[in-house]
């Protein structure tokens, strides 16, 4: 009896078969790209936040300097005008004139208080543009991570 021997040498393992035991190579590239994208988005958002903070600081400094000038020169001017009027009227009328000026000053003070309160109430929220951009980023990432979006992306 003759034994037929076949050359049944096993083929060398293919590179794709040897890697099938571990994660696919595209997974690491995808994760690296995702990390780069997230870091880029964070960098952009932080830069935007820095710009907004600087703008807010410049606006605040300008407002404080203007307020200081208003207080100094306005107070000096108002006191000089009041003194001039009080000295110009008869001595018997000076108390009435001082009461009129006091009531006027209190009225103007109340009006300015109201304006400041209104300006503070109607100012835009702090870091509004940064927060809006971050919300858009979050929505885009959530849409990309949705199960339906993954099926559509891999036909």
N, C-alpha and C. Protein backbone atom coordinates (compact mmCIF):
# COMPACT_ATOMS: atom_id res chain seq x y z
N UNK A 1 0.82 -1.15 0.00
CA UNK A 1 0.00 0.00 0.00
C UNK A 1 0.88 1.22 0.00
N UNK A 2 0.51 2.02 -0.85
CA UNK A 2 1.27 3.23 -1.02
C UNK A 2 0.56 4.37 -0.32
N UNK A 3 1.33 5.05 0.39
CA UNK A 3 0.74 6.19 1.12
C UNK A 3 1.04 7.44 0.33
N UNK A 4 -0.02 8.05 0.03
CA UNK A 4 0.11 9.33 -0.67
C UNK A 4 0.28 10.44 0.36
N UNK A 5 1.27 11.13 0.17
CA UNK A 5 1.47 12.25 1.07
C UNK A 5 1.25 13.54 0.29
N UNK A 6 0.51 14.35 0.86
CA UNK A 6 0.23 15.65 0.24
C UNK A 6 1.04 16.70 0.96
N UNK A 7 1.42 17.61 0.17
CA UNK A 7 2.14 18.74 0.73
C UNK A 7 1.11 19.68 1.35
N UNK A 8 0.87 19.50 2.58
CA UNK A 8 -0.13 20.31 3.27
C UNK A 8 0.53 21.23 4.29
N UNK A 9 1.51 21.89 3.82
CA UNK A 9 2.16 22.82 4.75
C UNK A 9 1.21 23.98 5.05
N UNK A 10 1.25 24.39 6.25
CA UNK A 10 0.36 25.48 6.67
C UNK A 10 0.89 26.79 6.12
N UNK A 11 -0.01 27.61 5.60
CA UNK A 11 0.44 28.91 5.11
C UNK A 11 0.86 29.78 6.28
N UNK A 12 1.77 30.67 5.99
CA UNK A 12 2.21 31.60 7.03
C UNK A 12 1.04 32.50 7.40
N UNK A 13 0.96 32.82 8.67
CA UNK A 13 -0.16 33.67 9.07
C UNK A 13 -0.06 35.02 8.37
N UNK A 14 -1.22 35.42 7.87
CA UNK A 14 -1.32 36.72 7.19
C UNK A 14 -1.25 37.83 8.23
N UNK A 15 -0.79 38.96 7.80
CA UNK A 15 -0.66 40.07 8.75
C UNK A 15 -2.01 40.50 9.30
N UNK A 16 -3.06 40.37 8.49
CA UNK A 16 -4.39 40.76 8.98
C UNK A 16 -4.90 39.75 9.99
N UNK A 17 -4.54 38.47 9.83
CA UNK A 17 -4.99 37.48 10.79
C UNK A 17 -4.28 37.64 12.12
N UNK A 18 -3.01 38.00 12.08
CA UNK A 18 -2.28 38.16 13.33
C UNK A 18 -2.75 39.39 14.11
N UNK A 19 -3.26 40.36 13.40
CA UNK A 19 -3.73 41.57 14.09
C UNK A 19 -5.17 41.45 14.51
N UNK A 20 -5.86 40.41 14.05
CA UNK A 20 -7.26 40.29 14.41
C UNK A 20 -7.43 40.01 15.89
N UNK A 21 -6.39 39.51 16.54
CA UNK A 21 -6.48 39.24 17.97
C UNK A 21 -6.53 40.55 18.76
N UNK A 22 -5.88 41.58 18.27
CA UNK A 22 -5.86 42.87 18.95
C UNK A 22 -6.81 43.84 18.28
N UNK A 23 -6.84 45.06 18.76
CA UNK A 23 -7.72 46.06 18.14
C UNK A 23 -7.23 46.41 16.74
N UNK A 24 -8.14 46.73 15.85
CA UNK A 24 -7.73 47.07 14.48
C UNK A 24 -6.86 48.32 14.47
N UNK A 25 -5.97 48.42 13.47
CA UNK A 25 -5.06 49.56 13.46
C UNK A 25 -5.79 50.88 13.23
N UNK A 26 -6.94 50.85 12.61
CA UNK A 26 -7.68 52.08 12.36
C UNK A 26 -8.28 52.65 13.64
N UNK A 27 -8.45 51.79 14.63
CA UNK A 27 -9.03 52.26 15.89
C UNK A 27 -8.08 53.26 16.56
N UNK A 28 -6.80 52.94 16.61
CA UNK A 28 -5.85 53.85 17.24
C UNK A 28 -5.73 55.15 16.46
N UNK A 29 -5.75 55.04 15.15
CA UNK A 29 -5.68 56.25 14.33
C UNK A 29 -6.93 57.10 14.55
N UNK A 30 -8.08 56.44 14.66
CA UNK A 30 -9.32 57.18 14.90
C UNK A 30 -9.30 57.84 16.27
N UNK A 31 -8.82 57.10 17.27
CA UNK A 31 -8.76 57.67 18.61
C UNK A 31 -7.77 58.83 18.66
N UNK A 32 -6.65 58.70 17.98
CA UNK A 32 -5.68 59.79 17.94
C UNK A 32 -6.26 61.01 17.24
N UNK A 33 -6.98 60.78 16.15
CA UNK A 33 -7.60 61.89 15.42
C UNK A 33 -8.69 62.55 16.27
N UNK A 34 -9.44 61.73 17.01
CA UNK A 34 -10.47 62.28 17.90
C UNK A 34 -9.83 63.14 18.98
N UNK A 35 -8.72 62.65 19.56
CA UNK A 35 -8.04 63.42 20.60
C UNK A 35 -7.51 64.74 20.04
N UNK A 36 -6.95 64.69 18.83
CA UNK A 36 -6.44 65.91 18.20
C UNK A 36 -7.58 66.88 17.95
N UNK A 37 -8.71 66.37 17.49
CA UNK A 37 -9.87 67.23 17.23
C UNK A 37 -10.39 67.87 18.51
N UNK A 38 -10.50 67.06 19.56
CA UNK A 38 -11.00 67.58 20.84
C UNK A 38 -10.05 68.63 21.39
N UNK A 39 -8.74 68.36 21.32
CA UNK A 39 -7.78 69.35 21.80
C UNK A 39 -7.82 70.63 20.97
N UNK A 40 -8.00 70.49 19.67
CA UNK A 40 -8.12 71.67 18.82
C UNK A 40 -9.36 72.49 19.16
N UNK A 41 -10.47 71.79 19.39
CA UNK A 41 -11.70 72.50 19.77
C UNK A 41 -11.52 73.21 21.12
N UNK A 42 -10.90 72.52 22.06
CA UNK A 42 -10.68 73.13 23.38
C UNK A 42 -9.76 74.35 23.26
N UNK A 43 -8.73 74.25 22.43
CA UNK A 43 -7.82 75.38 22.24
C UNK A 43 -8.56 76.57 21.65
N UNK A 44 -9.38 76.31 20.64
CA UNK A 44 -10.14 77.39 20.01
C UNK A 44 -11.09 78.05 21.01
N UNK A 45 -11.75 77.24 21.79
CA UNK A 45 -12.72 77.78 22.75
C UNK A 45 -12.01 78.57 23.85
N UNK A 46 -10.86 78.09 24.29
CA UNK A 46 -10.12 78.83 25.31
C UNK A 46 -9.59 80.15 24.74
N UNK A 47 -9.17 80.14 23.49
CA UNK A 47 -8.72 81.39 22.87
C UNK A 47 -9.87 82.38 22.77
N UNK A 48 -11.05 81.90 22.41
CA UNK A 48 -12.23 82.76 22.33
C UNK A 48 -12.58 83.30 23.71
N UNK A 49 -12.49 82.45 24.72
CA UNK A 49 -12.78 82.91 26.09
C UNK A 49 -11.78 83.98 26.51
N UNK A 50 -10.52 83.80 26.15
CA UNK A 50 -9.50 84.80 26.49
C UNK A 50 -9.78 86.13 25.83
N UNK A 51 -10.19 86.10 24.57
CA UNK A 51 -10.51 87.34 23.86
C UNK A 51 -11.70 88.03 24.52
N UNK A 52 -12.72 87.23 24.86
CA UNK A 52 -13.89 87.83 25.51
C UNK A 52 -13.54 88.41 26.88
N UNK A 53 -12.69 87.73 27.63
CA UNK A 53 -12.28 88.27 28.93
C UNK A 53 -11.52 89.57 28.77
N UNK A 54 -10.64 89.63 27.78
CA UNK A 54 -9.87 90.85 27.55
C UNK A 54 -10.78 92.00 27.13
N UNK A 55 -11.75 91.71 26.26
CA UNK A 55 -12.70 92.76 25.85
C UNK A 55 -13.50 93.25 27.05
N UNK A 56 -13.93 92.33 27.89
CA UNK A 56 -14.72 92.71 29.07
C UNK A 56 -13.88 93.55 30.02
N UNK A 57 -12.61 93.20 30.18
CA UNK A 57 -11.72 93.96 31.06
C UNK A 57 -11.49 95.36 30.51
N UNK A 58 -11.26 95.49 29.21
CA UNK A 58 -11.07 96.81 28.61
C UNK A 58 -12.32 97.66 28.74
N UNK A 59 -13.48 97.05 28.55
CA UNK A 59 -14.72 97.79 28.69
C UNK A 59 -14.92 98.26 30.13
N UNK A 60 -14.58 97.41 31.07
CA UNK A 60 -14.72 97.76 32.49
C UNK A 60 -13.77 98.88 32.87
N UNK A 61 -12.52 98.81 32.42
CA UNK A 61 -11.55 99.87 32.73
C UNK A 61 -12.00 101.19 32.13
N UNK A 62 -12.44 101.17 30.87
CA UNK A 62 -12.94 102.39 30.24
C UNK A 62 -14.14 102.96 30.98
N UNK A 63 -15.03 102.10 31.40
CA UNK A 63 -16.20 102.55 32.14
C UNK A 63 -15.81 103.16 33.48
N UNK A 64 -14.88 102.55 34.18
CA UNK A 64 -14.45 103.08 35.47
C UNK A 64 -13.74 104.43 35.34
N UNK A 65 -12.91 104.57 34.31
CA UNK A 65 -12.25 105.86 34.10
C UNK A 65 -13.26 106.95 33.74
N UNK A 66 -14.21 106.61 32.91
CA UNK A 66 -15.25 107.59 32.56
C UNK A 66 -16.08 107.96 33.79
N UNK A 67 -16.37 106.98 34.60
CA UNK A 67 -17.13 107.23 35.82
C UNK A 67 -16.35 108.12 36.79
N UNK A 68 -15.06 107.89 36.89
CA UNK A 68 -14.23 108.74 37.74
C UNK A 68 -14.22 110.18 37.25
N UNK A 69 -14.04 110.38 35.95
CA UNK A 69 -14.08 111.73 35.39
C UNK A 69 -15.43 112.39 35.61
N UNK A 70 -16.49 111.64 35.42
CA UNK A 70 -17.83 112.18 35.65
C UNK A 70 -18.00 112.62 37.10
N UNK A 71 -17.56 111.80 37.99
CA UNK A 71 -17.73 112.14 39.40
C UNK A 71 -16.91 113.37 39.81
N UNK A 72 -15.67 113.42 39.41
CA UNK A 72 -14.81 114.54 39.83
C UNK A 72 -15.30 115.85 39.22
N UNK A 73 -15.37 115.90 37.91
CA UNK A 73 -15.71 117.17 37.26
C UNK A 73 -17.19 117.52 37.42
N UNK A 74 -18.01 116.54 37.44
CA UNK A 74 -19.43 116.81 37.66
C UNK A 74 -19.69 117.37 39.05
N UNK A 75 -19.06 116.78 40.03
CA UNK A 75 -19.25 117.26 41.40
C UNK A 75 -18.72 118.68 41.59
N UNK A 76 -17.56 118.95 41.06
CA UNK A 76 -17.00 120.30 41.17
C UNK A 76 -17.91 121.31 40.47
N UNK A 77 -18.36 120.99 39.28
CA UNK A 77 -19.23 121.90 38.54
C UNK A 77 -20.55 122.14 39.24
N UNK A 78 -21.15 121.09 39.74
CA UNK A 78 -22.44 121.24 40.42
C UNK A 78 -22.28 122.04 41.71
N UNK A 79 -21.22 121.80 42.45
CA UNK A 79 -21.03 122.55 43.69
C UNK A 79 -20.77 124.04 43.42
N UNK A 80 -20.00 124.33 42.39
CA UNK A 80 -19.76 125.73 42.03
C UNK A 80 -21.04 126.43 41.58
N UNK A 81 -21.84 125.74 40.80
CA UNK A 81 -23.10 126.33 40.34
C UNK A 81 -24.03 126.57 41.53
N UNK A 82 -24.12 125.59 42.43
CA UNK A 82 -24.98 125.74 43.60
C UNK A 82 -24.51 126.91 44.47
N UNK A 83 -23.22 127.00 44.69
CA UNK A 83 -22.68 128.10 45.49
C UNK A 83 -22.98 129.45 44.85
N UNK A 84 -22.85 129.52 43.53
CA UNK A 84 -23.11 130.77 42.83
C UNK A 84 -24.58 131.19 42.98
N UNK A 85 -25.47 130.24 42.83
CA UNK A 85 -26.91 130.56 42.93
C UNK A 85 -27.26 130.94 44.37
N UNK A 86 -26.77 130.19 45.34
CA UNK A 86 -27.09 130.48 46.74
C UNK A 86 -26.58 131.87 47.13
N UNK A 87 -25.40 132.24 46.69
CA UNK A 87 -24.87 133.56 47.03
C UNK A 87 -25.56 134.68 46.25
N UNK A 88 -26.17 134.34 45.11
CA UNK A 88 -26.83 135.36 44.29
C UNK A 88 -28.22 135.72 44.81
N UNK A 89 -28.87 134.85 45.55
CA UNK A 89 -30.23 135.16 46.04
C UNK A 89 -30.15 135.87 47.39
N UNK A 90 -31.30 136.42 47.75
CA UNK A 90 -31.42 137.12 49.02
C UNK A 90 -31.20 136.15 50.18
N UNK A 91 -30.69 136.64 51.28
CA UNK A 91 -30.39 135.80 52.44
C UNK A 91 -31.62 135.09 52.97
N UNK A 92 -32.80 135.68 52.85
CA UNK A 92 -34.03 135.06 53.33
C UNK A 92 -34.44 133.87 52.47
N UNK A 93 -34.02 133.83 51.22
CA UNK A 93 -34.41 132.76 50.29
C UNK A 93 -33.37 131.64 50.18
N UNK A 94 -32.26 131.80 50.85
CA UNK A 94 -31.18 130.83 50.66
C UNK A 94 -31.56 129.41 51.12
N UNK A 95 -32.31 129.28 52.19
CA UNK A 95 -32.71 127.94 52.66
C UNK A 95 -33.61 127.27 51.63
N UNK A 96 -34.54 128.01 51.06
CA UNK A 96 -35.43 127.44 50.04
C UNK A 96 -34.64 127.03 48.80
N UNK A 97 -33.68 127.84 48.40
CA UNK A 97 -32.86 127.52 47.23
C UNK A 97 -32.02 126.27 47.51
N UNK A 98 -31.45 126.17 48.70
CA UNK A 98 -30.68 124.98 49.06
C UNK A 98 -31.57 123.73 49.08
N UNK A 99 -32.80 123.84 49.57
CA UNK A 99 -33.74 122.70 49.57
C UNK A 99 -34.07 122.28 48.14
N UNK A 100 -34.27 123.25 47.26
CA UNK A 100 -34.54 122.95 45.85
C UNK A 100 -33.36 122.20 45.22
N UNK A 101 -32.15 122.68 45.45
CA UNK A 101 -30.98 122.00 44.88
C UNK A 101 -30.81 120.60 45.47
N UNK A 102 -31.04 120.45 46.76
CA UNK A 102 -30.92 119.13 47.39
C UNK A 102 -31.92 118.15 46.78
N UNK A 103 -33.17 118.60 46.60
CA UNK A 103 -34.18 117.72 45.98
C UNK A 103 -33.80 117.39 44.55
N UNK A 104 -33.30 118.36 43.81
CA UNK A 104 -32.88 118.11 42.43
C UNK A 104 -31.73 117.10 42.37
N UNK A 105 -30.76 117.26 43.25
CA UNK A 105 -29.62 116.34 43.25
C UNK A 105 -30.06 114.92 43.61
N UNK A 106 -30.94 114.80 44.55
CA UNK A 106 -31.45 113.47 44.91
C UNK A 106 -32.24 112.85 43.74
N UNK A 107 -33.00 113.67 43.03
CA UNK A 107 -33.73 113.17 41.86
C UNK A 107 -32.79 112.68 40.77
N UNK A 108 -31.76 113.49 40.49
CA UNK A 108 -30.77 113.05 39.48
C UNK A 108 -30.03 111.80 39.93
N UNK A 109 -29.71 111.72 41.21
CA UNK A 109 -29.05 110.52 41.74
C UNK A 109 -29.91 109.28 41.56
N UNK A 110 -31.21 109.41 41.82
CA UNK A 110 -32.14 108.29 41.61
C UNK A 110 -32.23 107.90 40.14
N UNK A 111 -32.22 108.89 39.26
CA UNK A 111 -32.29 108.59 37.83
C UNK A 111 -31.04 107.84 37.38
N UNK A 112 -29.86 108.28 37.84
CA UNK A 112 -28.63 107.58 37.49
C UNK A 112 -28.61 106.17 38.09
N UNK A 113 -29.10 105.99 39.28
CA UNK A 113 -29.18 104.66 39.89
C UNK A 113 -30.03 103.74 39.02
N UNK A 114 -31.16 104.26 38.56
CA UNK A 114 -32.05 103.47 37.70
C UNK A 114 -31.34 103.10 36.40
N UNK A 115 -30.61 104.02 35.79
CA UNK A 115 -29.88 103.74 34.54
C UNK A 115 -28.82 102.66 34.74
N UNK A 116 -28.11 102.72 35.86
CA UNK A 116 -27.07 101.73 36.14
C UNK A 116 -27.71 100.35 36.33
N UNK A 117 -28.80 100.30 37.06
CA UNK A 117 -29.48 99.01 37.27
C UNK A 117 -29.98 98.44 35.94
N UNK A 118 -30.52 99.27 35.08
CA UNK A 118 -31.00 98.82 33.78
C UNK A 118 -29.86 98.34 32.90
N UNK A 119 -28.74 99.07 32.92
CA UNK A 119 -27.58 98.66 32.12
C UNK A 119 -27.03 97.32 32.59
N UNK A 120 -26.99 97.09 33.89
CA UNK A 120 -26.50 95.82 34.40
C UNK A 120 -27.47 94.67 34.10
N UNK A 121 -28.76 94.97 34.10
CA UNK A 121 -29.75 93.93 33.85
C UNK A 121 -29.81 93.54 32.37
N UNK A 122 -29.47 94.45 31.47
CA UNK A 122 -29.59 94.17 30.04
C UNK A 122 -28.27 93.82 29.38
N UNK A 123 -27.19 93.72 30.13
CA UNK A 123 -25.91 93.38 29.51
C UNK A 123 -25.94 91.91 29.10
N UNK A 124 -25.16 91.55 28.08
CA UNK A 124 -25.14 90.16 27.63
C UNK A 124 -24.49 89.26 28.69
N UNK A 125 -24.87 88.00 28.71
CA UNK A 125 -24.28 87.08 29.68
C UNK A 125 -22.76 86.97 29.50
N UNK A 126 -22.09 86.68 30.58
CA UNK A 126 -20.63 86.56 30.57
C UNK A 126 -20.22 85.36 29.73
N UNK A 127 -19.26 85.54 28.82
CA UNK A 127 -18.75 84.51 27.91
C UNK A 127 -19.84 83.90 27.05
N UNK A 128 -20.75 84.72 26.59
CA UNK A 128 -21.89 84.24 25.81
C UNK A 128 -21.46 83.51 24.54
N UNK A 129 -20.53 84.08 23.78
CA UNK A 129 -20.11 83.46 22.52
C UNK A 129 -19.38 82.14 22.78
N UNK A 130 -18.55 82.10 23.80
CA UNK A 130 -17.82 80.87 24.12
C UNK A 130 -18.78 79.76 24.51
N UNK A 131 -19.75 80.08 25.36
CA UNK A 131 -20.71 79.07 25.78
C UNK A 131 -21.57 78.58 24.62
N UNK A 132 -21.92 79.48 23.70
CA UNK A 132 -22.71 79.08 22.53
C UNK A 132 -21.91 78.15 21.63
N UNK A 133 -20.64 78.44 21.43
CA UNK A 133 -19.80 77.58 20.59
C UNK A 133 -19.60 76.22 21.24
N UNK A 134 -19.43 76.19 22.54
CA UNK A 134 -19.26 74.91 23.23
C UNK A 134 -20.54 74.09 23.17
N UNK A 135 -21.69 74.73 23.23
CA UNK A 135 -22.96 74.01 23.10
C UNK A 135 -23.11 73.41 21.71
N UNK A 136 -22.70 74.16 20.68
CA UNK A 136 -22.74 73.62 19.32
C UNK A 136 -21.80 72.44 19.18
N UNK A 137 -20.62 72.53 19.77
CA UNK A 137 -19.67 71.42 19.72
C UNK A 137 -20.26 70.18 20.39
N UNK A 138 -20.87 70.37 21.55
CA UNK A 138 -21.46 69.25 22.28
C UNK A 138 -22.55 68.59 21.46
N UNK A 139 -23.41 69.41 20.83
CA UNK A 139 -24.49 68.85 20.01
C UNK A 139 -23.94 68.10 18.80
N UNK A 140 -22.89 68.63 18.18
CA UNK A 140 -22.29 67.96 17.03
C UNK A 140 -21.68 66.63 17.43
N UNK A 141 -20.99 66.60 18.58
CA UNK A 141 -20.40 65.34 19.04
C UNK A 141 -21.47 64.33 19.43
N UNK A 142 -22.55 64.80 20.04
CA UNK A 142 -23.63 63.89 20.40
C UNK A 142 -24.30 63.33 19.15
N UNK A 143 -24.46 64.16 18.13
CA UNK A 143 -25.05 63.68 16.88
C UNK A 143 -24.14 62.67 16.20
N UNK A 144 -22.83 62.91 16.27
CA UNK A 144 -21.88 61.98 15.64
C UNK A 144 -21.80 60.67 16.40
N UNK A 145 -22.03 60.69 17.70
CA UNK A 145 -21.95 59.48 18.51
C UNK A 145 -23.28 58.72 18.55
N UNK A 146 -24.33 59.28 17.99
CA UNK A 146 -25.63 58.61 18.00
C UNK A 146 -25.53 57.32 17.18
N UNK A 147 -26.25 56.26 17.56
CA UNK A 147 -26.17 54.99 16.84
C UNK A 147 -26.58 55.11 15.38
N UNK A 148 -27.56 55.91 15.07
CA UNK A 148 -27.99 56.08 13.68
C UNK A 148 -26.94 56.75 12.82
N UNK A 149 -26.18 57.66 13.40
CA UNK A 149 -25.15 58.38 12.63
C UNK A 149 -24.00 57.45 12.28
N UNK A 150 -23.69 56.46 13.16
CA UNK A 150 -22.61 55.54 12.87
C UNK A 150 -22.99 54.58 11.75
N UNK A 151 -24.24 54.16 11.72
CA UNK A 151 -24.67 53.26 10.65
C UNK A 151 -24.66 53.96 9.31
N UNK A 152 -25.07 55.22 9.29
CA UNK A 152 -25.10 55.97 8.04
C UNK A 152 -23.70 56.26 7.55
N UNK A 153 -22.76 56.43 8.46
CA UNK A 153 -21.40 56.79 8.06
C UNK A 153 -20.63 55.58 7.53
N UNK A 154 -21.08 54.34 7.82
CA UNK A 154 -20.35 53.15 7.39
C UNK A 154 -21.19 52.30 6.43
N UNK A 155 -21.45 52.75 5.20
CA UNK A 155 -22.22 51.91 4.27
C UNK A 155 -21.33 50.90 3.59
